[in-house]
């Protein structure tokens, strides 16, 4: 079973759901990332809408803020990797600017090689 999502938000409850899926299926998590998800580009002042609907003004030209954004993304990704590992799920990240078919094929080939050594 492939679970395709951006996974760029709160992951609460994901572990339990994956554990239930893994009881009957092989599961592959496929996080889909836009390059701007990882590195906030310098676009000056930008309005974002928070999950609660509040508008937030962010100065994307500020290097410290961009670095904090990158670290936050990296921490969420490391948390997702840990959840996938604990649940015994494969993780094949995709970038929106890459060929989906080739990325999935390479990811599945890596997974097969990894399993061969276990």
PDB file of N, CA and C in Angstrom:
ATOM      1  N   UNK A   1       0.844  -1.155   0.000  1.00  0.00           N
ATOM      2  CA  UNK A   1       0.000   0.000   0.000  1.00  0.00           C
ATOM      3  C   UNK A   1       0.905   1.238   0.000  1.00  0.00           C
ATOM      4  N   UNK A   2       0.609   2.149  -0.882  1.00  0.00           N
ATOM      5  CA  UNK A   2       1.354   3.399  -0.955  1.00  0.00           C
ATOM      6  C   UNK A   2       0.530   4.497  -0.285  1.00  0.00           C
ATOM      7  N   UNK A   3       1.152   5.232   0.633  1.00  0.00           N
ATOM      8  CA  UNK A   3       0.516   6.378   1.275  1.00  0.00           C
ATOM      9  C   UNK A   3       1.245   7.612   0.743  1.00  0.00           C
ATOM     10  N   UNK A   4       0.560   8.362  -0.108  1.00  0.00           N
ATOM     11  CA  UNK A   4       1.156   9.518  -0.772  1.00  0.00           C
ATOM     12  C   UNK A   4       0.579  10.782  -0.154  1.00  0.00           C
ATOM     13  N   UNK A   5       1.451  11.637   0.389  1.00  0.00           N
ATOM     14  CA  UNK A   5       1.018  12.883   1.029  1.00  0.00           C
ATOM     15  C   UNK A   5       2.207  13.820   1.133  1.00  0.00           C
ATOM     16  N   UNK A   6       1.955  15.060   1.548  1.00  0.00           N
ATOM     17  CA  UNK A   6       3.091  15.964   1.749  1.00  0.00           C
ATOM     18  C   UNK A   6       3.743  15.736   3.108  1.00  0.00           C
ATOM     19  N   UNK A   7       3.044  15.175   4.084  1.00  0.00           N
ATOM     20  CA  UNK A   7       3.576  14.875   5.419  1.00  0.00           C
ATOM     21  C   UNK A   7       4.281  16.074   6.036  1.00  0.00           C
ATOM     22  N   UNK A   8       3.943  17.261   5.604  1.00  0.00           N
ATOM     23  CA  UNK A   8       4.611  18.474   6.081  1.00  0.00           C
ATOM     24  C   UNK A   8       3.745  19.196   7.106  1.00  0.00           C
ATOM     25  N   UNK A   9       3.208  18.411   8.015  1.00  0.00           N
ATOM     26  CA  UNK A   9       2.369  18.962   9.084  1.00  0.00           C
ATOM     27  C   UNK A   9       2.459  18.035  10.281  1.00  0.00           C
ATOM     28  N   UNK A  10       1.613  18.239  11.253  1.00  0.00           N
ATOM     29  CA  UNK A  10       1.612  17.438  12.471  1.00  0.00           C
ATOM     30  C   UNK A  10       1.397  15.967  12.123  1.00  0.00           C
ATOM     31  N   UNK A  11       2.233  15.093  12.691  1.00  0.00           N
ATOM     32  CA  UNK A  11       2.170  13.672  12.384  1.00  0.00           C
ATOM     33  C   UNK A  11       1.523  12.866  13.506  1.00  0.00           C
ATOM     34  N   UNK A  12       0.838  13.559  14.391  1.00  0.00           N
ATOM     35  CA  UNK A  12       0.203  12.891  15.520  1.00  0.00           C
ATOM     36  C   UNK A  12      -0.787  11.840  15.022  1.00  0.00           C
ATOM     37  N   UNK A  13      -0.706  10.651  15.566  1.00  0.00           N
ATOM     38  CA  UNK A  13      -1.608   9.570  15.196  1.00  0.00           C
ATOM     39  C   UNK A  13      -1.129   8.735  14.027  1.00  0.00           C
ATOM     40  N   UNK A  14      -0.077   9.175  13.330  1.00  0.00           N
ATOM     41  CA  UNK A  14       0.414   8.429  12.177  1.00  0.00           C
ATOM     42  C   UNK A  14       0.963   7.065  12.581  1.00  0.00           C
ATOM     43  N   UNK A  15       1.680   7.006  13.693  1.00  0.00           N
ATOM     44  CA  UNK A  15       2.270   5.732  14.139  1.00  0.00           C
ATOM     45  C   UNK A  15       1.195   4.674  14.348  1.00  0.00           C
ATOM     46  N   UNK A  16       0.125   5.038  15.002  1.00  0.00           N
ATOM     47  CA  UNK A  16      -0.952   4.091  15.278  1.00  0.00           C
ATOM     48  C   UNK A  16      -1.591   3.616  13.973  1.00  0.00           C
ATOM     49  N   UNK A  17      -1.863   4.542  13.072  1.00  0.00           N
ATOM     50  CA  UNK A  17      -2.462   4.184  11.790  1.00  0.00           C
ATOM     51  C   UNK A  17      -1.570   3.263  10.976  1.00  0.00           C
ATOM     52  N   UNK A  18      -0.269   3.548  10.977  1.00  0.00           N
ATOM     53  CA  UNK A  18       0.668   2.694  10.239  1.00  0.00           C
ATOM     54  C   UNK A  18       0.753   1.311  10.857  1.00  0.00           C
ATOM     55  N   UNK A  19       0.751   1.242  12.169  1.00  0.00           N
ATOM     56  CA  UNK A  19       0.794  -0.060  12.842  1.00  0.00           C
ATOM     57  C   UNK A  19      -0.405  -0.912  12.439  1.00  0.00           C
ATOM     58  N   UNK A  20      -1.559  -0.293  12.360  1.00  0.00           N
ATOM     59  CA  UNK A  20      -2.757  -1.025  11.954  1.00  0.00           C
ATOM     60  C   UNK A  20      -2.669  -1.476  10.503  1.00  0.00           C
ATOM     61  N   UNK A  21      -2.195  -0.589   9.611  1.00  0.00           N
ATOM     62  CA  UNK A  21      -2.032  -0.969   8.204  1.00  0.00           C
ATOM     63  C   UNK A  21      -1.014  -2.098   8.040  1.00  0.00           C
ATOM     64  N   UNK A  22       0.082  -2.018   8.781  1.00  0.00           N
ATOM     65  CA  UNK A  22       1.161  -2.999   8.666  1.00  0.00           C
ATOM     66  C   UNK A  22       0.728  -4.392   9.125  1.00  0.00           C
ATOM     67  N   UNK A  23      -0.354  -4.506   9.846  1.00  0.00           N
ATOM     68  CA  UNK A  23      -0.828  -5.826  10.263  1.00  0.00           C
ATOM     69  C   UNK A  23      -1.266  -6.655   9.057  1.00  0.00           C
ATOM     70  N   UNK A  24      -1.685  -5.996   7.981  1.00  0.00           N
ATOM     71  CA  UNK A  24      -2.215  -6.717   6.822  1.00  0.00           C
ATOM     72  C   UNK A  24      -1.566  -6.338   5.493  1.00  0.00           C
ATOM     73  N   UNK A  25      -0.723  -5.304   5.477  1.00  0.00           N
ATOM     74  CA  UNK A  25      -0.185  -4.807   4.213  1.00  0.00           C
ATOM     75  C   UNK A  25       1.288  -4.406   4.364  1.00  0.00           C
ATOM     76  N   UNK A  26       2.006  -4.447   3.265  1.00  0.00           N
ATOM     77  CA  UNK A  26       3.298  -3.772   3.182  1.00  0.00           C
ATOM     78  C   UNK A  26       2.985  -2.311   2.875  1.00  0.00           C
ATOM     79  N   UNK A  27       3.642  -1.406   3.571  1.00  0.00           N
ATOM     80  CA  UNK A  27       3.327   0.009   3.432  1.00  0.00           C
ATOM     81  C   UNK A  27       4.560   0.786   2.991  1.00  0.00           C
ATOM     82  N   UNK A  28       4.370   1.642   2.010  1.00  0.00           N
ATOM     83  CA  UNK A  28       5.415   2.548   1.537  1.00  0.00           C
ATOM     84  C   UNK A  28       4.890   3.968   1.701  1.00  0.00           C
ATOM     85  N   UNK A  29       5.607   4.785   2.464  1.00  0.00           N
ATOM     86  CA  UNK A  29       5.255   6.196   2.611  1.00  0.00           C
ATOM     87  C   UNK A  29       5.948   6.974   1.499  1.00  0.00           C
ATOM     88  N   UNK A  30       5.201   7.823   0.827  1.00  0.00           N
ATOM     89  CA  UNK A  30       5.737   8.621  -0.274  1.00  0.00           C
ATOM     90  C   UNK A  30       5.464  10.094   0.023  1.00  0.00           C
ATOM     91  N   UNK A  31       6.388  10.738   0.757  1.00  0.00           N
ATOM     92  CA  UNK A  31       6.219  12.178   0.971  1.00  0.00           C
ATOM     93  C   UNK A  31       6.543  12.941  -0.318  1.00  0.00           C
ATOM     94  N   UNK A  32       5.652  13.834  -0.706  1.00  0.00           N
ATOM     95  CA  UNK A  32       5.838  14.640  -1.909  1.00  0.00           C
ATOM     96  C   UNK A  32       6.257  16.037  -1.460  1.00  0.00           C
ATOM     97  N   UNK A  33       7.437  16.445  -1.898  1.00  0.00           N
ATOM     98  CA  UNK A  33       8.003  17.718  -1.460  1.00  0.00           C
ATOM     99  C   UNK A  33       8.234  18.652  -2.630  1.00  0.00           C
ATOM    100  N   UNK A  34       7.784  19.875  -2.462  1.00  0.00           N
ATOM    101  CA  UNK A  34       8.166  20.950  -3.362  1.00  0.00           C
ATOM    102  C   UNK A  34       9.484  21.484  -2.819  1.00  0.00           C
ATOM    103  N   UNK A  35      10.430  21.865  -3.679  1.00  0.00           N
ATOM    104  CA  UNK A  35      11.692  22.409  -3.153  1.00  0.00           C
ATOM    105  C   UNK A  35      11.490  23.539  -2.142  1.00  0.00           C
ATOM    106  N   UNK A  36      10.426  24.334  -2.280  1.00  0.00           N
ATOM    107  CA  UNK A  36      10.158  25.424  -1.337  1.00  0.00           C
ATOM    108  C   UNK A  36       9.690  24.894   0.016  1.00  0.00           C
ATOM    109  N   UNK A  37       9.298  23.604   0.094  1.00  0.00           N
ATOM    110  CA  UNK A  37       8.937  23.024   1.381  1.00  0.00           C
ATOM    111  C   UNK A  37      10.155  22.927   2.293  1.00  0.00           C
ATOM    112  N   UNK A  38      11.300  22.676   1.701  1.00  0.00           N
ATOM    113  CA  UNK A  38      12.527  22.475   2.464  1.00  0.00           C
ATOM    114  C   UNK A  38      13.298  23.775   2.660  1.00  0.00           C
ATOM    115  N   UNK A  39      13.371  24.574   1.623  1.00  0.00           N
ATOM    116  CA  UNK A  39      14.130  25.830   1.649  1.00  0.00           C
ATOM    117  C   UNK A  39      13.203  26.965   1.245  1.00  0.00           C
ATOM    118  N   UNK A  40      12.847  27.806   2.175  1.00  0.00           N
ATOM    119  CA  UNK A  40      11.982  28.942   1.884  1.00  0.00           C
ATOM    120  C   UNK A  40      12.770  29.956   1.048  1.00  0.00           C
ATOM    121  N   UNK A  41      12.318  30.217  -0.176  1.00  0.00           N
ATOM    122  CA  UNK A  41      13.068  31.161  -1.015  1.00  0.00           C
ATOM    123  C   UNK A  41      12.924  32.601  -0.521  1.00  0.00           C
ATOM    124  N   UNK A  42      13.902  33.420  -0.857  1.00  0.00           N
ATOM    125  CA  UNK A  42      13.873  34.846  -0.524  1.00  0.00           C
ATOM    126  C   UNK A  42      12.893  35.527  -1.472  1.00  0.00           C
ATOM    127  N   UNK A  43      11.695  35.865  -0.928  1.00  0.00           N
ATOM    128  CA  UNK A  43      10.662  36.523  -1.722  1.00  0.00           C
ATOM    129  C   UNK A  43      10.215  37.829  -1.079  1.00  0.00           C
ATOM    130  N   UNK A  44      10.978  38.302  -0.081  1.00  0.00           N
ATOM    131  CA  UNK A  44      10.569  39.513   0.621  1.00  0.00           C
ATOM    132  C   UNK A  44       9.437  39.220   1.585  1.00  0.00           C
ATOM    133  N   UNK A  45       8.567  40.206   1.830  1.00  0.00           N
ATOM    134  CA  UNK A  45       7.427  40.014   2.732  1.00  0.00           C
ATOM    135  C   UNK A  45       6.336  39.217   2.018  1.00  0.00           C
ATOM    136  N   UNK A  46       5.891  38.129   2.680  1.00  0.00           N
ATOM    137  CA  UNK A  46       4.886  37.241   2.105  1.00  0.00           C
ATOM    138  C   UNK A  46       3.823  36.959   3.161  1.00  0.00           C
ATOM    139  N   UNK A  47       2.567  36.896   2.730  1.00  0.00           N
ATOM    140  CA  UNK A  47       1.483  36.528   3.636  1.00  0.00           C
ATOM    141  C   UNK A  47       1.219  35.024   3.528  1.00  0.00           C
ATOM    142  N   UNK A  48       1.187  34.350   4.670  1.00  0.00           N
ATOM    143  CA  UNK A  48       0.847  32.935   4.748  1.00  0.00           C
ATOM    144  C   UNK A  48      -0.398  32.795   5.600  1.00  0.00           C
ATOM    145  N   UNK A  49      -1.143  31.745   5.374  1.00  0.00           N
ATOM    146  CA  UNK A  49      -2.298  31.449   6.213  1.00  0.00           C
ATOM    147  C   UNK A  49      -1.928  30.287   7.124  1.00  0.00           C
ATOM    148  N   UNK A  50      -2.043  30.513   8.437  1.00  0.00           N
ATOM    149  CA  UNK A  50      -1.739  29.493   9.437  1.00  0.00           C
ATOM    150  C   UNK A  50      -2.839  28.436   9.428  1.00  0.00           C
ATOM    151  N   UNK A  51      -2.564  27.248   9.993  1.00  0.00           N
ATOM    152  CA  UNK A  51      -3.595  26.202  10.035  1.00  0.00           C
ATOM    153  C   UNK A  51      -4.903  26.648  10.679  1.00  0.00           C
ATOM    154  N   UNK A  52      -4.821  27.596  11.600  1.00  0.00           N
ATOM    155  CA  UNK A  52      -6.042  28.074  12.260  1.00  0.00           C
ATOM    156  C   UNK A  52      -6.746  29.177  11.454  1.00  0.00           C
ATOM    157  N   UNK A  53      -6.192  29.513  10.272  1.00  0.00           N
ATOM    158  CA  UNK A  53      -6.806  30.521   9.413  1.00  0.00           C
ATOM    159  C   UNK A  53      -6.220  31.912   9.557  1.00  0.00           C
ATOM    160  N   UNK A  54      -5.402  32.124  10.580  1.00  0.00           N
ATOM    161  CA  UNK A  54      -4.800  33.440  10.814  1.00  0.00           C
ATOM    162  C   UNK A  54      -3.788  33.756   9.709  1.00  0.00           C
ATOM    163  N   UNK A  55      -3.797  35.012   9.245  1.00  0.00           N
ATOM    164  CA  UNK A  55      -2.809  35.455   8.261  1.00  0.00           C
ATOM    165  C   UNK A  55      -1.523  35.844   8.973  1.00  0.00           C
ATOM    166  N   UNK A  56      -0.405  35.371   8.447  1.00  0.00           N
ATOM    167  CA  UNK A  56       0.902  35.667   9.025  1.00  0.00           C
ATOM    168  C   UNK A  56       1.757  36.356   7.977  1.00  0.00           C
ATOM    169  N   UNK A  57       2.392  37.444   8.355  1.00  0.00           N
ATOM    170  CA  UNK A  57       3.328  38.128   7.477  1.00  0.00           C
ATOM    171  C   UNK A  57       4.728  37.646   7.823  1.00  0.00           C
ATOM    172  N   UNK A  58       5.443  37.164   6.806  1.00  0.00           N
ATOM    173  CA  UNK A  58       6.784  36.629   7.024  1.00  0.00           C
ATOM    174  C   UNK A  58       7.746  37.350   6.090  1.00  0.00           C
ATOM    175  N   UNK A  59       8.858  37.827   6.658  1.00  0.00           N
ATOM    176  CA  UNK A  59       9.910  38.448   5.855  1.00  0.00           C
ATOM    177  C   UNK A  59      10.866  37.347   5.418  1.00  0.00           C
ATOM    178  N   UNK A  60      10.659  36.830   4.208  1.00  0.00           N
ATOM    179  CA  UNK A  60      11.471  35.707   3.726  1.00  0.00           C
ATOM    180  C   UNK A  60      12.882  36.135   3.329  1.00  0.00           C
ATOM    181  N   UNK A  61      13.155  37.432   3.335  1.00  0.00           N
ATOM    182  CA  UNK A  61      14.510  37.910   3.043  1.00  0.00           C
ATOM    183  C   UNK A  61      15.424  37.764   4.258  1.00  0.00           C
ATOM    184  N   UNK A  62      14.859  37.488   5.415  1.00  0.00           N
ATOM    185  CA  UNK A  62      15.614  37.378   6.674  1.00  0.00           C
ATOM    186  C   UNK A  62      16.280  35.996   6.762  1.00  0.00           C
ATOM    187  N   UNK A  63      17.639  35.937   6.667  1.00  0.00           N
ATOM    188  CA  UNK A  63      18.346  34.648   6.649  1.00  0.00           C
ATOM    189  C   UNK A  63      18.099  33.789   7.889  1.00  0.00           C
ATOM    190  N   UNK A  64      17.993  34.408   9.058  1.00  0.00           N
ATOM    191  CA  UNK A  64      17.774  33.644  10.286  1.00  0.00           C
ATOM    192  C   UNK A  64      16.422  32.937  10.236  1.00  0.00           C
ATOM    193  N   UNK A  65      15.411  33.611   9.732  1.00  0.00           N
ATOM    194  CA  UNK A  65      14.087  33.014   9.610  1.00  0.00           C
ATOM    195  C   UNK A  65      14.070  31.871   8.607  1.00  0.00           C
ATOM    196  N   UNK A  66      14.771  32.047   7.483  1.00  0.00           N
ATOM    197  CA  UNK A  66      14.832  30.979   6.488  1.00  0.00           C
ATOM    198  C   UNK A  66      15.551  29.761   7.049  1.00  0.00           C
ATOM    199  N   UNK A  67      16.597  29.988   7.833  1.00  0.00           N
ATOM    200  CA  UNK A  67      17.327  28.872   8.447  1.00  0.00           C
ATOM    201  C   UNK A  67      16.434  28.155   9.472  1.00  0.00           C
ATOM    202  N   UNK A  68      15.668  28.889  10.245  1.00  0.00           N
ATOM    203  CA  UNK A  68      14.752  28.276  11.211  1.00  0.00           C
ATOM    204  C   UNK A  68      13.696  27.444  10.469  1.00  0.00           C
ATOM    205  N   UNK A  69      13.215  27.949   9.355  1.00  0.00           N
ATOM    206  CA  UNK A  69      12.242  27.223   8.536  1.00  0.00           C
ATOM    207  C   UNK A  69      12.847  25.914   8.041  1.00  0.00           C
ATOM    208  N   UNK A  70      14.101  25.970   7.535  1.00  0.00           N
ATOM    209  CA  UNK A  70      14.787  24.775   7.039  1.00  0.00           C
ATOM    210  C   UNK A  70      14.981  23.759   8.154  1.00  0.00           C
ATOM    211  N   UNK A  71      15.400  24.218   9.341  1.00  0.00           N
ATOM    212  CA  UNK A  71      15.598  23.311  10.485  1.00  0.00           C
ATOM    213  C   UNK A  71      14.285  22.667  10.908  1.00  0.00           C
ATOM    214  N   UNK A  72      13.211  23.441  10.888  1.00  0.00           N
ATOM    215  CA  UNK A  72      11.898  22.921  11.240  1.00  0.00           C
ATOM    216  C   UNK A  72      11.479  21.822  10.265  1.00  0.00           C
ATOM    217  N   UNK A  73      11.693  22.043   8.971  1.00  0.00           N
ATOM    218  CA  UNK A  73      11.377  21.029   7.966  1.00  0.00           C
ATOM    219  C   UNK A  73      12.208  19.778   8.217  1.00  0.00           C
ATOM    220  N   UNK A  74      13.501  19.963   8.472  1.00  0.00           N
ATOM    221  CA  UNK A  74      14.401  18.823   8.690  1.00  0.00           C
ATOM    222  C   UNK A  74      13.973  18.015   9.917  1.00  0.00           C
ATOM    223  N   UNK A  75      13.569  18.683  10.978  1.00  0.00           N
ATOM    224  CA  UNK A  75      13.104  17.974  12.175  1.00  0.00           C
ATOM    225  C   UNK A  75      11.837  17.174  11.887  1.00  0.00           C
ATOM    226  N   UNK A  76      10.916  17.751  11.128  1.00  0.00           N
ATOM    227  CA  UNK A  76       9.693  17.016  10.771  1.00  0.00           C
ATOM    228  C   UNK A  76      10.029  15.801   9.914  1.00  0.00           C
ATOM    229  N   UNK A  77      10.978  15.960   8.993  1.00  0.00           N
ATOM    230  CA  UNK A  77      11.366  14.836   8.132  1.00  0.00           C
ATOM    231  C   UNK A  77      12.044  13.732   8.948  1.00  0.00           C
ATOM    232  N   UNK A  78      12.919  14.126   9.881  1.00  0.00           N
ATOM    233  CA  UNK A  78      13.571  13.128  10.736  1.00  0.00           C
ATOM    234  C   UNK A  78      12.541  12.386  11.581  1.00  0.00           C
ATOM    235  N   UNK A  79      11.517  13.098  12.042  1.00  0.00           N
ATOM    236  CA  UNK A  79      10.439  12.466  12.800  1.00  0.00           C
ATOM    237  C   UNK A  79       9.686  11.469  11.911  1.00  0.00           C
ATOM    238  N   UNK A  80       9.407  11.844  10.668  1.00  0.00           N
ATOM    239  CA  UNK A  80       8.735  10.938   9.735  1.00  0.00           C
ATOM    240  C   UNK A  80       9.596   9.706   9.462  1.00  0.00           C
ATOM    241  N   UNK A  81      10.889   9.893   9.281  1.00  0.00           N
ATOM    242  CA  UNK A  81      11.801   8.764   9.048  1.00  0.00           C
ATOM    243  C   UNK A  81      11.764   7.819  10.239  1.00  0.00           C
ATOM    244  N   UNK A  82      11.768   8.367  11.441  1.00  0.00           N
ATOM    245  CA  UNK A  82      11.722   7.547  12.656  1.00  0.00           C
ATOM    246  C   UNK A  82      10.404   6.780  12.750  1.00  0.00           C
ATOM    247  N   UNK A  83       9.297   7.448  12.470  1.00  0.00           N
ATOM    248  CA  UNK A  83       7.990   6.790  12.496  1.00  0.00           C
ATOM    249  C   UNK A  83       7.958   5.648  11.482  1.00  0.00           C
ATOM    250  N   UNK A  84       8.426   5.909  10.265  1.00  0.00           N
ATOM    251  CA  UNK A  84       8.434   4.875   9.222  1.00  0.00           C
ATOM    252  C   UNK A  84       9.312   3.699   9.633  1.00  0.00           C
ATOM    253  N   UNK A  85      10.466   3.997  10.172  1.00  0.00           N
ATOM    254  CA  UNK A  85      11.384   2.939  10.601  1.00  0.00           C
ATOM    255  C   UNK A  85      10.770   2.090  11.710  1.00  0.00           C
ATOM    256  N   UNK A  86      10.202   2.740  12.709  1.00  0.00           N
ATOM    257  CA  UNK A  86       9.584   2.014  13.822  1.00  0.00           C
ATOM    258  C   UNK A  86       8.418   1.139  13.358  1.00  0.00           C
ATOM    259  N   UNK A  87       7.705   1.601  12.334  1.00  0.00           N
ATOM    260  CA  UNK A  87       6.549   0.862  11.837  1.00  0.00           C
ATOM    261  C   UNK A  87       6.937  -0.191  10.793  1.00  0.00           C
ATOM    262  N   UNK A  88       8.206  -0.179  10.362  1.00  0.00           N
ATOM    263  CA  UNK A  88       8.647  -1.122   9.344  1.00  0.00           C
ATOM    264  C   UNK A  88       8.175  -0.758   7.949  1.00  0.00           C
ATOM    265  N   UNK A  89       8.003   0.528   7.702  1.00  0.00           N
ATOM    266  CA  UNK A  89       7.535   1.017   6.402  1.00  0.00           C
ATOM    267  C   UNK A  89       8.710   1.550   5.587  1.00  0.00           C
ATOM    268  N   UNK A  90       8.623   1.365   4.285  1.00  0.00           N
ATOM    269  CA  UNK A  90       9.591   2.000   3.396  1.00  0.00           C
ATOM    270  C   UNK A  90       9.228   3.475   3.270  1.00  0.00           C
ATOM    271  N   UNK A  91      10.223   4.290   2.973  1.00  0.00           N
ATOM    272  CA  UNK A  91      10.018   5.729   2.790  1.00  0.00           C
ATOM    273  C   UNK A  91      10.709   6.126   1.493  1.00  0.00           C
ATOM    274  N   UNK A  92       9.925   6.614   0.535  1.00  0.00           N
ATOM    275  CA  UNK A  92      10.467   7.023  -0.757  1.00  0.00           C
ATOM    276  C   UNK A  92      10.031   8.455  -1.029  1.00  0.00           C
ATOM    277  N   UNK A  93      10.866   9.439  -0.664  1.00  0.00           N
ATOM    278  CA  UNK A  93      10.509  10.841  -0.919  1.00  0.00           C
ATOM    279  C   UNK A  93      10.515  11.162  -2.415  1.00  0.00           C
ATOM    280  N   UNK A  94       9.576  11.988  -2.836  1.00  0.00           N
ATOM    281  CA  UNK A  94       9.508  12.478  -4.209  1.00  0.00           C
ATOM    282  C   UNK A  94       9.572  13.994  -4.191  1.00  0.00           C
ATOM    283  N   UNK A  95      10.260  14.551  -5.167  1.00  0.00           N
ATOM    284  CA  UNK A  95      10.284  16.000  -5.344  1.00  0.00           C
ATOM    285  C   UNK A  95       9.371  16.349  -6.515  1.00  0.00           C
ATOM    286  N   UNK A  96       8.688  17.456  -6.414  1.00  0.00           N
ATOM    287  CA  UNK A  96       7.757  17.849  -7.466  1.00  0.00           C
ATOM    288  C   UNK A  96       8.461  18.159  -8.778  1.00  0.00           C
ATOM    289  N   UNK A  97       9.771  18.370  -8.747  1.00  0.00           N
ATOM    290  CA  UNK A  97      10.491  18.685  -9.976  1.00  0.00           C
ATOM    291  C   UNK A  97      11.278  17.484 -10.516  1.00  0.00           C
ATOM    292  N   UNK A  98      10.907  16.264 -10.102  1.00  0.00           N
ATOM    293  CA  UNK A  98      11.589  15.092 -10.622  1.00  0.00           C
ATOM    294  C   UNK A  98      10.583  14.141 -11.270  1.00  0.00           C
ATOM    295  N   UNK A  99      11.090  13.233 -12.082  1.00  0.00           N
ATOM    296  CA  UNK A  99      10.268  12.237 -12.751  1.00  0.00           C
ATOM    297  C   UNK A  99       9.738  11.244 -11.722  1.00  0.00           C
ATOM    298  N   UNK A 100       8.426  11.180 -11.556  1.00  0.00           N
ATOM    299  CA  UNK A 100       7.802  10.348 -10.528  1.00  0.00           C
ATOM    300  C   UNK A 100       8.116   8.874 -10.752  1.00  0.00           C
ATOM    301  N   UNK A 101       7.955   8.409 -11.959  1.00  0.00           N
ATOM    302  CA  UNK A 101       8.180   6.992 -12.254  1.00  0.00           C
ATOM    303  C   UNK A 101       9.601   6.567 -11.896  1.00  0.00           C
ATOM    304  N   UNK A 102      10.571   7.326 -12.344  1.00  0.00           N
ATOM    305  CA  UNK A 102      11.980   6.970 -12.075  1.00  0.00           C
ATOM    306  C   UNK A 102      12.293   7.054 -10.580  1.00  0.00           C
ATOM    307  N   UNK A 103      11.787   8.062  -9.912  1.00  0.00           N
ATOM    308  CA  UNK A 103      12.041   8.199  -8.475  1.00  0.00           C
ATOM    309  C   UNK A 103      11.458   7.022  -7.705  1.00  0.00           C
ATOM    310  N   UNK A 104      10.239   6.609  -8.044  1.00  0.00           N
ATOM    311  CA  UNK A 104       9.636   5.444  -7.382  1.00  0.00           C
ATOM    312  C   UNK A 104      10.418   4.171  -7.686  1.00  0.00           C
ATOM    313  N   UNK A 105      10.808   3.989  -8.918  1.00  0.00           N
ATOM    314  CA  UNK A 105      11.576   2.796  -9.290  1.00  0.00           C
ATOM    315  C   UNK A 105      12.895   2.741  -8.524  1.00  0.00           C
ATOM    316  N   UNK A 106      13.620   3.849  -8.471  1.00  0.00           N
ATOM    317  CA  UNK A 106      14.894   3.868  -7.734  1.00  0.00           C
ATOM    318  C   UNK A 106      14.668   3.627  -6.246  1.00  0.00           C
ATOM    319  N   UNK A 107      13.628   4.232  -5.687  1.00  0.00           N
ATOM    320  CA  UNK A 107      13.316   4.041  -4.275  1.00  0.00           C
ATOM    321  C   UNK A 107      12.965   2.604  -3.956  1.00  0.00           C
ATOM    322  N   UNK A 108      12.180   1.975  -4.805  1.00  0.00           N
ATOM    323  CA  UNK A 108      11.824   0.564  -4.582  1.00  0.00           C
ATOM    324  C   UNK A 108      13.030  -0.347  -4.753  1.00  0.00           C
ATOM    325  N   UNK A 109      13.913  -0.030  -5.709  1.00  0.00           N
ATOM    326  CA  UNK A 109      15.137  -0.812  -5.871  1.00  0.00           C
ATOM    327  C   UNK A 109      16.024  -0.699  -4.634  1.00  0.00           C
ATOM    328  N   UNK A 110      16.138   0.518  -4.068  1.00  0.00           N
ATOM    329  CA  UNK A 110      16.919   0.700  -2.829  1.00  0.00           C
ATOM    330  C   UNK A 110      16.309  -0.121  -1.703  1.00  0.00           C
ATOM    331  N   UNK A 111      14.989  -0.109  -1.618  1.00  0.00           N
ATOM    332  CA  UNK A 111      14.294  -0.872  -0.572  1.00  0.00           C
ATOM    333  C   UNK A 111      14.583  -2.369  -0.719  1.00  0.00           C
ATOM    334  N   UNK A 112      14.558  -2.887  -1.942  1.00  0.00           N
ATOM    335  CA  UNK A 112      14.852  -4.303  -2.165  1.00  0.00           C
ATOM    336  C   UNK A 112      16.288  -4.648  -1.774  1.00  0.00           C
ATOM    337  N   UNK A 113      17.244  -3.777  -2.128  1.00  0.00           N
ATOM    338  CA  UNK A 113      18.647  -4.024  -1.748  1.00  0.00           C
ATOM    339  C   UNK A 113      18.817  -4.002  -0.249  1.00  0.00           C
ATOM    340  N   UNK A 114      18.136  -3.063   0.424  1.00  0.00           N
ATOM    341  CA  UNK A 114      18.224  -2.959   1.884  1.00  0.00           C
ATOM    342  C   UNK A 114      17.656  -4.214   2.540  1.00  0.00           C
ATOM    343  N   UNK A 115      16.516  -4.671   2.061  1.00  0.00           N
ATOM    344  CA  UNK A 115      15.889  -5.870   2.621  1.00  0.00           C
ATOM    345  C   UNK A 115      16.730  -7.104   2.387  1.00  0.00           C
ATOM    346  N   UNK A 116      17.502  -7.133   1.296  1.00  0.00           N
ATOM    347  CA  UNK A 116      18.364  -8.285   0.998  1.00  0.00           C
ATOM    348  C   UNK A 116      19.447  -8.451   2.049  1.00  0.00           C
ATOM    349  N   UNK A 117      19.855  -7.335   2.706  1.00  0.00           N
ATOM    350  CA  UNK A 117      20.906  -7.395   3.712  1.00  0.00           C
ATOM    351  C   UNK A 117      20.371  -7.667   5.110  1.00  0.00           C
ATOM    352  N   UNK A 118      19.068  -7.623   5.294  1.00  0.00           N
ATOM    353  CA  UNK A 118      18.469  -7.837   6.620  1.00  0.00           C
ATOM    354  C   UNK A 118      18.363  -9.298   6.960  1.00  0.00           C
TER     355      UNK A 118
END
